[in-house]
Amino acid sequence: MKKLIVVLVVLMASMAAISYMGQRKTDPLPESWVEEKMLTENDGYVLRPESFDSKISYKMDKTTYDLLKPIGIACQLMERPDGKQIDVVAIAGESMESFHDQRVCFNAQGWELMVVEERFIETKRHGKIPVSWMTIRKPGALPREAMYIFRHPEGFSSYDQAKWGFLKSKIKAPFQRQIGYSYRFIGLTPDVDADQLVEFAVKYLDTLDENTNGVM
């Protein structure tokens, strides 16, 4: 009985600390904090075009920002000399409210989800990490390969487990800023096959981690 009381007291204290943390105002990070960390070339692909005086190609609409309230969203179109294109989107946020199940987003944009499954990719700096893999298609068009990856403050996980990563990190360090990320990679041209998309994503994540000293 005493052990149960101790556990309940610790849990209540942790939840109170998390609640207090949520009430504390921290200086917001600018969106440029995310954008400036992105790569402008990777695996033979280069940023096309480079817009907004930053390392991005386009912006999400205002509705997306109003819904997710992220630290920032960085959107890139990466292209090879032979015309192959890959879309890269990175989102940074301080809670799971800044992220969403990409299947809902693809459906809303008119994509048919032909394949939806959990896979793993092998990286040098993070080891084996889970990805949400999707083969998507617009009506009358050829299929495209896509993957969605989550990194909460404790590491990489599936979308469903990411919320627990945020909770765990807030319990361990309730007064520190906790930041998570999502990474989306889509082969925009049908000649980008699954192996090529994986190779691109692995190199991008490894280089990004190295360039930012593990921050992103």
Protein backbone atom coordinates (compact mmCIF):
# COMPACT_ATOMS: atom_id res chain seq x y z
CA MET A 1 0.00 0.00 0.00
CA LYS A 2 2.83 2.38 0.87
CA LYS A 3 4.51 1.65 -2.46
CA LEU A 4 1.29 2.45 -4.29
CA ILE A 5 0.97 5.76 -2.45
CA VAL A 6 4.57 6.67 -3.32
CA VAL A 7 3.98 5.86 -6.99
CA LEU A 8 0.81 7.95 -7.04
CA VAL A 9 2.56 10.90 -5.37
CA VAL A 10 5.43 10.77 -7.87
CA LEU A 11 3.00 10.52 -10.78
CA MET A 12 0.91 13.44 -9.52
CA ALA A 13 4.03 15.54 -8.99
CA SER A 14 5.24 14.74 -12.49
CA MET A 15 1.90 15.63 -14.05
CA ALA A 16 1.78 18.87 -12.05
CA ALA A 17 5.25 19.76 -13.29
CA ILE A 18 4.22 19.06 -16.87
CA SER A 19 1.09 21.18 -16.43
CA TYR A 20 3.17 24.01 -14.99
CA MET A 21 5.60 23.69 -17.87
CA GLY A 22 2.72 24.08 -20.29
CA GLN A 23 1.76 27.35 -18.60
CA ARG A 24 5.26 28.83 -18.73
CA LYS A 25 5.91 31.06 -21.69
CA THR A 26 9.06 30.34 -23.66
CA ASP A 27 10.46 32.51 -26.39
CA PRO A 28 9.20 31.11 -29.72
CA LEU A 29 11.77 29.89 -32.20
CA PRO A 30 11.53 31.48 -35.67
CA GLU A 31 10.71 29.33 -38.67
CA SER A 32 14.15 30.18 -40.05
CA TRP A 33 15.54 28.02 -37.21
CA VAL A 34 14.23 25.01 -39.13
CA GLU A 35 14.79 26.25 -42.67
CA GLU A 36 18.46 27.10 -42.26
CA LYS A 37 19.25 23.53 -41.19
CA MET A 38 17.92 21.91 -44.39
CA LEU A 39 20.22 20.51 -47.09
CA THR A 40 20.50 22.13 -50.50
CA GLU A 41 21.99 19.02 -52.14
CA ASN A 42 21.80 15.32 -51.37
CA ASP A 43 22.55 12.09 -53.23
CA GLY A 44 22.95 13.87 -56.58
CA TYR A 45 19.83 16.02 -56.10
CA VAL A 46 19.90 19.80 -55.68
CA LEU A 47 17.33 22.29 -54.45
CA ARG A 48 15.12 23.55 -57.30
CA PRO A 49 14.07 26.31 -56.99
CA GLU A 50 15.53 28.06 -53.96
CA SER A 51 12.92 30.58 -52.86
CA PHE A 52 12.15 33.05 -50.09
CA ASP A 53 15.89 33.76 -49.55
CA SER A 54 16.11 30.46 -47.70
CA LYS A 55 16.70 26.74 -48.24
CA ILE A 56 13.10 26.04 -49.23
CA SER A 57 11.16 25.83 -52.49
CA TYR A 58 7.59 26.55 -51.41
CA LYS A 59 5.37 27.28 -48.40
CA MET A 60 2.43 25.40 -46.94
CA ASP A 61 -0.87 27.28 -46.87
CA LYS A 62 -2.05 29.30 -43.89
CA THR A 63 -4.62 26.65 -42.96
CA THR A 64 -1.82 24.15 -42.29
CA TYR A 65 -0.01 26.58 -40.01
CA ASP A 66 -3.22 27.45 -38.16
CA LEU A 67 -3.98 23.77 -37.64
CA LEU A 68 -0.53 22.51 -36.59
CA LYS A 69 0.95 25.61 -34.93
CA PRO A 70 4.49 24.32 -35.56
CA ILE A 71 7.84 25.94 -34.87
CA GLY A 72 8.30 25.80 -38.61
CA ILE A 73 7.75 23.87 -41.82
CA ALA A 74 10.47 23.55 -44.47
CA CYS A 75 9.37 22.39 -47.94
CA GLN A 76 11.84 21.46 -50.67
CA LEU A 77 11.79 20.22 -54.25
CA MET A 78 15.01 18.32 -54.92
CA GLU A 79 15.95 17.49 -58.52
CA ARG A 80 18.62 15.48 -60.33
CA PRO A 81 20.10 16.45 -63.72
CA ASP A 82 18.13 13.59 -65.33
CA GLY A 83 14.85 15.14 -64.15
CA LYS A 84 14.07 12.87 -61.19
CA GLN A 85 12.43 14.81 -58.36
CA ILE A 86 11.89 14.18 -54.66
CA ASP A 87 9.73 16.28 -52.36
CA VAL A 88 11.11 16.86 -48.84
CA VAL A 89 9.08 18.34 -45.98
CA ALA A 90 10.35 18.73 -42.41
CA ILE A 91 8.14 19.95 -39.58
CA ALA A 92 9.39 20.94 -36.12
CA GLY A 93 7.03 21.23 -33.17
CA GLU A 94 6.93 21.27 -29.37
CA SER A 95 4.07 18.79 -29.00
CA MET A 96 2.18 16.14 -30.98
CA GLU A 97 -0.35 18.83 -31.89
CA SER A 98 2.13 19.95 -34.57
CA PHE A 99 2.01 16.57 -36.32
CA HIS A 100 -0.70 14.49 -37.93
CA ASP A 101 -1.26 11.13 -39.53
CA GLN A 102 -0.07 11.61 -43.10
CA ARG A 103 -2.66 9.16 -44.42
CA VAL A 104 -5.37 11.70 -43.58
CA CYS A 105 -3.44 14.43 -45.37
CA PHE A 106 -2.91 12.37 -48.54
CA ASN A 107 -6.58 11.41 -48.68
CA ALA A 108 -7.60 15.05 -48.28
CA GLN A 109 -5.33 15.99 -51.19
CA GLY A 110 -6.94 13.46 -53.50
CA TRP A 111 -4.27 10.75 -53.33
CA GLU A 112 -5.30 7.10 -53.42
CA LEU A 113 -3.37 5.06 -50.86
CA MET A 114 -2.41 1.85 -52.65
CA VAL A 115 0.05 0.56 -50.03
CA VAL A 116 0.18 1.58 -46.35
CA GLU A 117 2.58 -0.30 -44.07
CA GLU A 118 5.25 0.07 -41.44
CA ARG A 119 8.81 -0.55 -42.63
CA PHE A 120 12.32 0.01 -41.29
CA ILE A 121 15.27 1.75 -42.90
CA GLU A 122 18.89 1.39 -41.81
CA THR A 123 20.79 4.61 -41.11
CA LYS A 124 24.40 5.10 -40.05
CA ARG A 125 23.77 7.60 -37.26
CA HIS A 126 20.46 6.34 -35.87
CA GLY A 127 20.56 2.63 -36.66
CA LYS A 128 17.31 1.00 -37.78
CA ILE A 129 14.35 3.38 -37.61
CA PRO A 130 10.63 2.86 -38.37
CA VAL A 131 8.91 4.63 -41.26
CA SER A 132 5.31 4.83 -42.42
CA TRP A 133 5.54 3.69 -46.04
CA MET A 134 2.92 4.57 -48.63
CA THR A 135 2.49 4.01 -52.34
CA ILE A 136 0.17 6.76 -53.53
CA ARG A 137 -1.53 7.64 -56.81
CA LYS A 138 -3.64 10.41 -58.26
CA PRO A 139 -6.47 9.37 -60.62
CA GLY A 140 -5.08 8.61 -64.07
CA ALA A 141 -1.44 8.95 -62.95
CA LEU A 142 1.34 6.49 -62.20
CA PRO A 143 2.02 5.51 -58.57
CA ARG A 144 4.51 7.39 -56.39
CA GLU A 145 6.51 6.11 -53.42
CA ALA A 146 6.37 8.04 -50.14
CA MET A 147 7.52 7.71 -46.54
CA TYR A 148 6.77 9.57 -43.34
CA ILE A 149 9.14 9.53 -40.35
CA PHE A 150 8.72 10.77 -36.76
CA ARG A 151 11.41 11.84 -34.33
CA HIS A 152 10.24 12.77 -30.84
CA PRO A 153 12.65 14.12 -28.17
CA GLU A 154 13.52 10.55 -27.12
CA GLY A 155 14.29 9.28 -30.64
CA PHE A 156 12.58 7.83 -33.71
CA SER A 157 9.31 5.93 -33.47
CA SER A 158 6.04 5.26 -35.24
CA TYR A 159 3.41 8.00 -35.25
CA ASP A 160 1.31 6.15 -32.67
CA GLN A 161 4.23 5.86 -30.23
CA ALA A 162 5.56 9.41 -30.69
CA LYS A 163 3.10 10.88 -28.17
CA TRP A 164 4.59 8.66 -25.46
CA GLY A 165 8.05 9.88 -26.40
CA PHE A 166 6.93 13.47 -25.80
CA LEU A 167 5.32 12.53 -22.49
CA LYS A 168 8.41 10.67 -21.30
CA SER A 169 10.70 13.56 -22.20
CA LYS A 170 8.49 16.06 -20.35
CA ILE A 171 8.49 13.89 -17.24
CA LYS A 172 12.29 13.57 -17.36
CA ALA A 173 12.94 17.26 -18.06
CA PRO A 174 9.72 19.25 -17.47
CA PHE A 175 11.38 22.67 -17.65
CA GLN A 176 13.31 22.14 -20.86
CA ARG A 177 12.04 22.89 -24.36
CA GLN A 178 11.06 19.60 -26.03
CA ILE A 179 11.16 19.49 -29.82
CA GLY A 180 10.07 16.76 -32.20
CA TYR A 181 10.21 16.45 -35.97
CA SER A 182 8.45 14.77 -38.85
CA TYR A 183 10.14 14.13 -42.19
CA ARG A 184 8.26 13.39 -45.40
CA PHE A 185 9.89 12.12 -48.60
CA ILE A 186 7.89 11.64 -51.82
CA GLY A 187 9.17 10.53 -55.21
CA LEU A 188 7.50 13.18 -57.35
CA THR A 189 8.42 11.45 -60.60
CA PRO A 190 7.36 7.82 -61.14
CA ASP A 191 10.94 6.80 -62.04
CA VAL A 192 11.99 7.26 -58.38
CA ASP A 193 11.56 3.71 -57.10
CA ALA A 194 11.43 2.50 -53.49
CA ASP A 195 15.14 1.70 -53.21
CA GLN A 196 16.13 5.11 -54.57
CA LEU A 197 13.78 6.91 -52.19
CA VAL A 198 15.20 4.97 -49.22
CA GLU A 199 18.77 5.74 -50.27
CA PHE A 200 17.94 9.44 -50.58
CA ALA A 201 16.15 9.57 -47.21
CA VAL A 202 18.91 7.71 -45.36
CA LYS A 203 21.60 10.04 -46.70
CA TYR A 204 19.48 13.09 -45.98
CA LEU A 205 18.80 12.11 -42.36
CA ASP A 206 22.41 11.08 -41.68
CA THR A 207 23.83 14.29 -43.17
CA LEU A 208 21.23 16.45 -41.42
CA ASP A 209 22.07 14.83 -38.08
CA GLU A 210 25.80 15.31 -38.66
CA ASN A 211 25.47 18.93 -39.80
CA THR A 212 23.28 19.92 -36.83
CA ASN A 213 25.21 17.91 -34.19
CA GLY A 214 22.18 15.75 -33.52
CA VAL A 215 19.72 18.63 -33.10
CA MET A 216 17.64 17.71 -36.16
